All heavy atoms as atom14 arrays in JSON, in Angstrom:
{
  "sequence": "DVKTGTPLNALGNSTSTNVMLTNSLPSMFAAGS",
  "atom14_mask": [
    [1, 1, 1, 1, 1, 1, 1, 1, 0, 0, 0, 0, 0, 0],
    [1, 1, 1, 1, 1, 1, 1, 0, 0, 0, 0, 0, 0, 0],
    [1, 1, 1, 1, 1, 1, 1, 1, 1, 0, 0, 0, 0, 0],
    [1, 1, 1, 1, 1, 1, 1, 0, 0, 0, 0, 0, 0, 0],
    [1, 1, 1, 1, 0, 0, 0, 0, 0, 0, 0, 0, 0, 0],
    [1, 1, 1, 1, 1, 1, 1, 0, 0, 0, 0, 0, 0, 0],
    [1, 1, 1, 1, 1, 1, 1, 0, 0, 0, 0, 0, 0, 0],
    [1, 1, 1, 1, 1, 1, 1, 1, 0, 0, 0, 0, 0, 0],
    [1, 1, 1, 1, 1, 1, 1, 1, 0, 0, 0, 0, 0, 0],
    [1, 1, 1, 1, 1, 0, 0, 0, 0, 0, 0, 0, 0, 0],
    [1, 1, 1, 1, 1, 1, 1, 1, 0, 0, 0, 0, 0, 0],
    [1, 1, 1, 1, 0, 0, 0, 0, 0, 0, 0, 0, 0, 0],
    [1, 1, 1, 1, 1, 1, 1, 1, 0, 0, 0, 0, 0, 0],
    [1, 1, 1, 1, 1, 1, 0, 0, 0, 0, 0, 0, 0, 0],
    [1, 1, 1, 1, 1, 1, 1, 0, 0, 0, 0, 0, 0, 0],
    [1, 1, 1, 1, 1, 1, 0, 0, 0, 0, 0, 0, 0, 0],
    [1, 1, 1, 1, 1, 1, 1, 0, 0, 0, 0, 0, 0, 0],
    [1, 1, 1, 1, 1, 1, 1, 1, 0, 0, 0, 0, 0, 0],
    [1, 1, 1, 1, 1, 1, 1, 0, 0, 0, 0, 0, 0, 0],
    [1, 1, 1, 1, 1, 1, 1, 1, 0, 0, 0, 0, 0, 0],
    [1, 1, 1, 1, 1, 1, 1, 1, 0, 0, 0, 0, 0, 0],
    [1, 1, 1, 1, 1, 1, 1, 0, 0, 0, 0, 0, 0, 0],
    [1, 1, 1, 1, 1, 1, 1, 1, 0, 0, 0, 0, 0, 0],
    [1, 1, 1, 1, 1, 1, 0, 0, 0, 0, 0, 0, 0, 0],
    [1, 1, 1, 1, 1, 1, 1, 1, 0, 0, 0, 0, 0, 0],
    [1, 1, 1, 1, 1, 1, 1, 0, 0, 0, 0, 0, 0, 0],
    [1, 1, 1, 1, 1, 1, 0, 0, 0, 0, 0, 0, 0, 0],
    [1, 1, 1, 1, 1, 1, 1, 1, 0, 0, 0, 0, 0, 0],
    [1, 1, 1, 1, 1, 1, 1, 1, 1, 1, 1, 0, 0, 0],
    [1, 1, 1, 1, 1, 0, 0, 0, 0, 0, 0, 0, 0, 0],
    [1, 1, 1, 1, 1, 0, 0, 0, 0, 0, 0, 0, 0, 0],
    [1, 1, 1, 1, 0, 0, 0, 0, 0, 0, 0, 0, 0, 0],
    [1, 1, 1, 1, 1, 1, 0, 0, 0, 0, 0, 0, 0, 0]
  ],
  "atom14_positions": [
    [[65.06, 293.52, 214.24], [64.42, 293.83, 215.52], [64.33, 295.33, 215.75], [63.34, 295.84, 216.3], [65.19, 293.18, 216.67], [65.06, 291.65, 216.66], [64.14, 291.15, 216.0], [65.9, 290.98, 217.31], [0.0, 0.0, 0.0], [0.0, 0.0, 0.0], [0.0, 0.0, 0.0], [0.0, 0.0, 0.0], [0.0, 0.0, 0.0], [0.0, 0.0, 0.0]],
    [[65.35, 296.06, 215.32], [65.33, 297.52, 215.47], [64.21, 298.13, 214.66], [63.48, 299.02, 215.1], [66.69, 298.12, 215.07], [66.6, 299.64, 214.99], [67.77, 297.69, 216.05], [0.0, 0.0, 0.0], [0.0, 0.0, 0.0], [0.0, 0.0, 0.0], [0.0, 0.0, 0.0], [0.0, 0.0, 0.0], [0.0, 0.0, 0.0], [0.0, 0.0, 0.0]],
    [[64.01, 297.6, 213.41], [62.96, 298.15, 212.54], [61.57, 297.87, 213.09], [60.66, 298.69, 212.97], [63.11, 297.56, 211.15], [64.37, 298.03, 210.43], [64.5, 297.38, 209.06], [65.77, 297.83, 208.36], [65.91, 297.21, 207.01], [0.0, 0.0, 0.0], [0.0, 0.0, 0.0], [0.0, 0.0, 0.0], [0.0, 0.0, 0.0], [0.0, 0.0, 0.0]],
    [[61.36, 296.69, 213.7], [60.03, 296.33, 214.21], [59.79, 296.79, 215.63], [58.7, 296.62, 216.17], [59.86, 294.8, 214.15], [60.9, 294.19, 214.95], [59.96, 294.29, 212.72], [0.0, 0.0, 0.0], [0.0, 0.0, 0.0], [0.0, 0.0, 0.0], [0.0, 0.0, 0.0], [0.0, 0.0, 0.0], [0.0, 0.0, 0.0], [0.0, 0.0, 0.0]],
    [[60.8, 297.32, 216.29], [60.64, 297.79, 217.66], [60.77, 296.72, 218.7], [60.4, 296.92, 219.86], [0.0, 0.0, 0.0], [0.0, 0.0, 0.0], [0.0, 0.0, 0.0], [0.0, 0.0, 0.0], [0.0, 0.0, 0.0], [0.0, 0.0, 0.0], [0.0, 0.0, 0.0], [0.0, 0.0, 0.0], [0.0, 0.0, 0.0], [0.0, 0.0, 0.0]],
    [[61.26, 295.55, 218.32], [61.45, 294.47, 219.29], [62.63, 294.78, 220.19], [63.67, 295.25, 219.7], [61.71, 293.14, 218.55], [60.62, 292.91, 217.64], [61.81, 291.98, 219.54], [0.0, 0.0, 0.0], [0.0, 0.0, 0.0], [0.0, 0.0, 0.0], [0.0, 0.0, 0.0], [0.0, 0.0, 0.0], [0.0, 0.0, 0.0], [0.0, 0.0, 0.0]],
    [[62.49, 294.53, 221.54], [63.63, 294.78, 222.45], [64.85, 294.02, 222.0], [64.77, 292.85, 221.6], [63.12, 294.27, 223.8], [61.64, 294.35, 223.7], [61.3, 294.05, 222.27], [0.0, 0.0, 0.0], [0.0, 0.0, 0.0], [0.0, 0.0, 0.0], [0.0, 0.0, 0.0], [0.0, 0.0, 0.0], [0.0, 0.0, 0.0], [0.0, 0.0, 0.0]],
    [[65.98, 294.7, 222.04], [67.23, 294.11, 221.56], [67.82, 293.15, 222.57], [67.71, 293.33, 223.76], [68.24, 295.21, 221.25], [67.87, 296.19, 220.12], [68.97, 297.23, 219.97], [67.68, 295.44, 218.82], [0.0, 0.0, 0.0], [0.0, 0.0, 0.0], [0.0, 0.0, 0.0], [0.0, 0.0, 0.0], [0.0, 0.0, 0.0], [0.0, 0.0, 0.0]],
    [[68.43, 292.12, 222.04], [69.23, 291.21, 222.85], [70.51, 290.99, 222.08], [70.6, 290.15, 221.2], [68.49, 289.9, 223.09], [69.26, 288.97, 224.03], [70.39, 289.26, 224.39], [68.62, 287.86, 224.39], [0.0, 0.0, 0.0], [0.0, 0.0, 0.0], [0.0, 0.0, 0.0], [0.0, 0.0, 0.0], [0.0, 0.0, 0.0], [0.0, 0.0, 0.0]],
    [[71.48, 291.81, 222.38], [72.69, 291.83, 221.57], [73.4, 290.5, 221.58], [74.14, 290.17, 220.66], [73.63, 292.92, 222.09], [0.0, 0.0, 0.0], [0.0, 0.0, 0.0], [0.0, 0.0, 0.0], [0.0, 0.0, 0.0], [0.0, 0.0, 0.0], [0.0, 0.0, 0.0], [0.0, 0.0, 0.0], [0.0, 0.0, 0.0], [0.0, 0.0, 0.0]],
    [[73.17, 289.71, 222.6], [73.86, 288.42, 222.67], [73.06, 287.32, 222.0], [73.5, 286.17, 221.96], [74.12, 288.06, 224.13], [75.05, 289.02, 224.88], [75.15, 288.6, 226.33], [76.4, 289.09, 224.21], [0.0, 0.0, 0.0], [0.0, 0.0, 0.0], [0.0, 0.0, 0.0], [0.0, 0.0, 0.0], [0.0, 0.0, 0.0], [0.0, 0.0, 0.0]],
    [[71.84, 287.65, 221.52], [71.03, 286.63, 220.85], [70.19, 285.86, 221.81], [70.39, 285.89, 223.0], [0.0, 0.0, 0.0], [0.0, 0.0, 0.0], [0.0, 0.0, 0.0], [0.0, 0.0, 0.0], [0.0, 0.0, 0.0], [0.0, 0.0, 0.0], [0.0, 0.0, 0.0], [0.0, 0.0, 0.0], [0.0, 0.0, 0.0], [0.0, 0.0, 0.0]],
    [[69.19, 285.11, 221.28], [68.27, 284.36, 222.12], [68.41, 282.86, 221.96], [67.76, 282.11, 222.64], [66.82, 284.75, 221.79], [66.56, 286.22, 222.07], [67.0, 286.71, 223.08], [65.86, 286.88, 221.16], [0.0, 0.0, 0.0], [0.0, 0.0, 0.0], [0.0, 0.0, 0.0], [0.0, 0.0, 0.0], [0.0, 0.0, 0.0], [0.0, 0.0, 0.0]],
    [[69.17, 282.44, 221.03], [69.26, 280.99, 220.78], [70.56, 280.43, 221.29], [71.56, 281.11, 221.36], [69.14, 280.7, 219.26], [70.24, 281.28, 218.59], [0.0, 0.0, 0.0], [0.0, 0.0, 0.0], [0.0, 0.0, 0.0], [0.0, 0.0, 0.0], [0.0, 0.0, 0.0], [0.0, 0.0, 0.0], [0.0, 0.0, 0.0], [0.0, 0.0, 0.0]],
    [[70.49, 279.18, 221.6], [71.7, 278.5, 222.06], [72.72, 278.39, 220.97], [73.92, 278.44, 221.21], [71.33, 277.11, 222.59], [70.31, 277.24, 223.56], [72.53, 276.41, 223.18], [0.0, 0.0, 0.0], [0.0, 0.0, 0.0], [0.0, 0.0, 0.0], [0.0, 0.0, 0.0], [0.0, 0.0, 0.0], [0.0, 0.0, 0.0], [0.0, 0.0, 0.0]],
    [[72.2, 278.24, 219.72], [73.13, 278.12, 218.59], [73.96, 279.38, 218.43], [75.14, 279.32, 218.1], [72.35, 277.83, 217.3], [71.44, 278.92, 217.04], [0.0, 0.0, 0.0], [0.0, 0.0, 0.0], [0.0, 0.0, 0.0], [0.0, 0.0, 0.0], [0.0, 0.0, 0.0], [0.0, 0.0, 0.0], [0.0, 0.0, 0.0], [0.0, 0.0, 0.0]],
    [[73.3, 280.48, 218.66], [74.05, 281.74, 218.55], [75.13, 281.8, 219.6], [76.25, 282.23, 219.34], [73.09, 282.94, 218.72], [72.05, 282.85, 217.77], [73.84, 284.24, 218.54], [0.0, 0.0, 0.0], [0.0, 0.0, 0.0], [0.0, 0.0, 0.0], [0.0, 0.0, 0.0], [0.0, 0.0, 0.0], [0.0, 0.0, 0.0], [0.0, 0.0, 0.0]],
    [[74.8, 281.34, 220.83], [75.8, 281.34, 221.9], [76.97, 280.45, 221.54], [78.12, 280.79, 221.77], [75.17, 280.87, 223.2], [74.09, 281.83, 223.67], [74.09, 282.99, 223.28], [73.16, 281.32, 224.49], [0.0, 0.0, 0.0], [0.0, 0.0, 0.0], [0.0, 0.0, 0.0], [0.0, 0.0, 0.0], [0.0, 0.0, 0.0], [0.0, 0.0, 0.0]],
    [[76.61, 279.29, 220.98], [77.67, 278.35, 220.61], [78.52, 278.92, 219.51], [79.74, 278.81, 219.52], [77.05, 276.99, 220.18], [78.13, 276.06, 219.69], [76.29, 276.39, 221.35], [0.0, 0.0, 0.0], [0.0, 0.0, 0.0], [0.0, 0.0, 0.0], [0.0, 0.0, 0.0], [0.0, 0.0, 0.0], [0.0, 0.0, 0.0], [0.0, 0.0, 0.0]],
    [[77.86, 279.6, 218.58], [78.59, 280.19, 217.46], [79.57, 281.23, 217.97], [80.72, 281.27, 217.56], [77.58, 280.8, 216.49], [78.22, 281.51, 215.28], [78.66, 283.22, 215.6], [77.06, 283.93, 215.9], [0.0, 0.0, 0.0], [0.0, 0.0, 0.0], [0.0, 0.0, 0.0], [0.0, 0.0, 0.0], [0.0, 0.0, 0.0], [0.0, 0.0, 0.0]],
    [[79.07, 282.05, 218.87], [79.95, 283.11, 219.38], [81.12, 282.53, 220.14], [82.24, 282.98, 220.02], [79.15, 284.05, 220.27], [78.15, 284.97, 219.53], [77.33, 285.76, 220.54], [78.87, 285.9, 218.56], [0.0, 0.0, 0.0], [0.0, 0.0, 0.0], [0.0, 0.0, 0.0], [0.0, 0.0, 0.0], [0.0, 0.0, 0.0], [0.0, 0.0, 0.0]],
    [[80.79, 281.5, 220.93], [81.86, 280.91, 221.73], [82.91, 280.27, 220.84], [84.11, 280.41, 221.08], [81.28, 279.86, 222.68], [80.28, 280.48, 223.49], [82.36, 279.27, 223.57], [0.0, 0.0, 0.0], [0.0, 0.0, 0.0], [0.0, 0.0, 0.0], [0.0, 0.0, 0.0], [0.0, 0.0, 0.0], [0.0, 0.0, 0.0], [0.0, 0.0, 0.0]],
    [[82.46, 279.57, 219.8], [83.4, 278.88, 218.94], [84.18, 279.83, 218.06], [85.27, 279.49, 217.59], [82.66, 277.86, 218.07], [82.08, 276.73, 218.92], [82.56, 276.48, 220.0], [81.04, 276.08, 218.39], [0.0, 0.0, 0.0], [0.0, 0.0, 0.0], [0.0, 0.0, 0.0], [0.0, 0.0, 0.0], [0.0, 0.0, 0.0], [0.0, 0.0, 0.0]],
    [[83.57, 281.01, 217.78], [84.24, 281.91, 216.84], [85.17, 282.91, 217.53], [85.79, 283.71, 216.86], [83.18, 282.69, 216.05], [82.41, 283.5, 216.92], [0.0, 0.0, 0.0], [0.0, 0.0, 0.0], [0.0, 0.0, 0.0], [0.0, 0.0, 0.0], [0.0, 0.0, 0.0], [0.0, 0.0, 0.0], [0.0, 0.0, 0.0], [0.0, 0.0, 0.0]],
    [[85.26, 282.88, 218.88], [86.17, 283.8, 219.56], [87.61, 283.43, 219.29], [87.96, 282.26, 219.31], [85.91, 283.75, 221.07], [84.62, 284.41, 221.55], [84.44, 284.15, 223.04], [84.62, 285.91, 221.26], [0.0, 0.0, 0.0], [0.0, 0.0, 0.0], [0.0, 0.0, 0.0], [0.0, 0.0, 0.0], [0.0, 0.0, 0.0], [0.0, 0.0, 0.0]],
    [[88.43, 284.37, 219.03], [89.87, 284.07, 218.84], [90.46, 283.48, 220.11], [89.96, 283.67, 221.21], [90.47, 285.43, 218.51], [89.32, 286.3, 218.09], [88.14, 285.78, 218.83], [0.0, 0.0, 0.0], [0.0, 0.0, 0.0], [0.0, 0.0, 0.0], [0.0, 0.0, 0.0], [0.0, 0.0, 0.0], [0.0, 0.0, 0.0], [0.0, 0.0, 0.0]],
    [[91.56, 282.82, 219.97], [92.2, 282.15, 221.1], [92.77, 283.14, 222.11], [93.08, 282.79, 223.24], [93.33, 281.24, 220.6], [94.29, 282.02, 219.91], [0.0, 0.0, 0.0], [0.0, 0.0, 0.0], [0.0, 0.0, 0.0], [0.0, 0.0, 0.0], [0.0, 0.0, 0.0], [0.0, 0.0, 0.0], [0.0, 0.0, 0.0], [0.0, 0.0, 0.0]],
    [[92.92, 284.43, 221.72], [93.43, 285.43, 222.65], [92.45, 285.69, 223.79], [92.81, 286.22, 224.81], [93.72, 286.75, 221.93], [92.49, 287.31, 221.2], [92.84, 288.82, 220.34], [92.79, 289.96, 221.68], [0.0, 0.0, 0.0], [0.0, 0.0, 0.0], [0.0, 0.0, 0.0], [0.0, 0.0, 0.0], [0.0, 0.0, 0.0], [0.0, 0.0, 0.0]],
    [[91.16, 285.29, 223.63], [90.16, 285.44, 224.68], [89.9, 284.12, 225.39], [88.86, 283.92, 225.98], [88.84, 285.95, 224.1], [88.98, 287.31, 223.46], [88.86, 287.45, 222.08], [89.23, 288.41, 224.24], [88.99, 288.69, 221.5], [89.35, 289.66, 223.65], [89.23, 289.81, 222.27], [0.0, 0.0, 0.0], [0.0, 0.0, 0.0], [0.0, 0.0, 0.0]],
    [[90.83, 283.18, 225.32], [90.65, 281.87, 225.93], [90.61, 282.0, 227.45], [91.02, 283.02, 228.02], [91.8, 280.94, 225.52], [0.0, 0.0, 0.0], [0.0, 0.0, 0.0], [0.0, 0.0, 0.0], [0.0, 0.0, 0.0], [0.0, 0.0, 0.0], [0.0, 0.0, 0.0], [0.0, 0.0, 0.0], [0.0, 0.0, 0.0], [0.0, 0.0, 0.0]],
    [[90.09, 280.94, 228.09], [89.95, 280.94, 229.55], [91.3, 281.12, 230.21], [92.29, 280.56, 229.78], [89.29, 279.64, 230.01], [0.0, 0.0, 0.0], [0.0, 0.0, 0.0], [0.0, 0.0, 0.0], [0.0, 0.0, 0.0], [0.0, 0.0, 0.0], [0.0, 0.0, 0.0], [0.0, 0.0, 0.0], [0.0, 0.0, 0.0], [0.0, 0.0, 0.0]],
    [[91.31, 281.9, 231.32], [92.54, 282.12, 232.08], [93.2, 283.43, 231.76], [94.06, 283.89, 232.51], [0.0, 0.0, 0.0], [0.0, 0.0, 0.0], [0.0, 0.0, 0.0], [0.0, 0.0, 0.0], [0.0, 0.0, 0.0], [0.0, 0.0, 0.0], [0.0, 0.0, 0.0], [0.0, 0.0, 0.0], [0.0, 0.0, 0.0], [0.0, 0.0, 0.0]],
    [[92.85, 284.05, 230.59], [93.5, 285.3, 230.24], [92.7, 286.5, 230.69], [93.13, 287.63, 230.52], [93.71, 285.39, 228.73], [92.45, 285.38, 228.08], [0.0, 0.0, 0.0], [0.0, 0.0, 0.0], [0.0, 0.0, 0.0], [0.0, 0.0, 0.0], [0.0, 0.0, 0.0], [0.0, 0.0, 0.0], [0.0, 0.0, 0.0], [0.0, 0.0, 0.0]]
  ]
}
């Protein structure tokens, strides 16, 4: 996206990416902390 000049979306545009990020977070960032 940087090479083509497309506006960046650091968090991604797909739901799969969101799910991936959520599932890949270490447990130290779990809810409540």
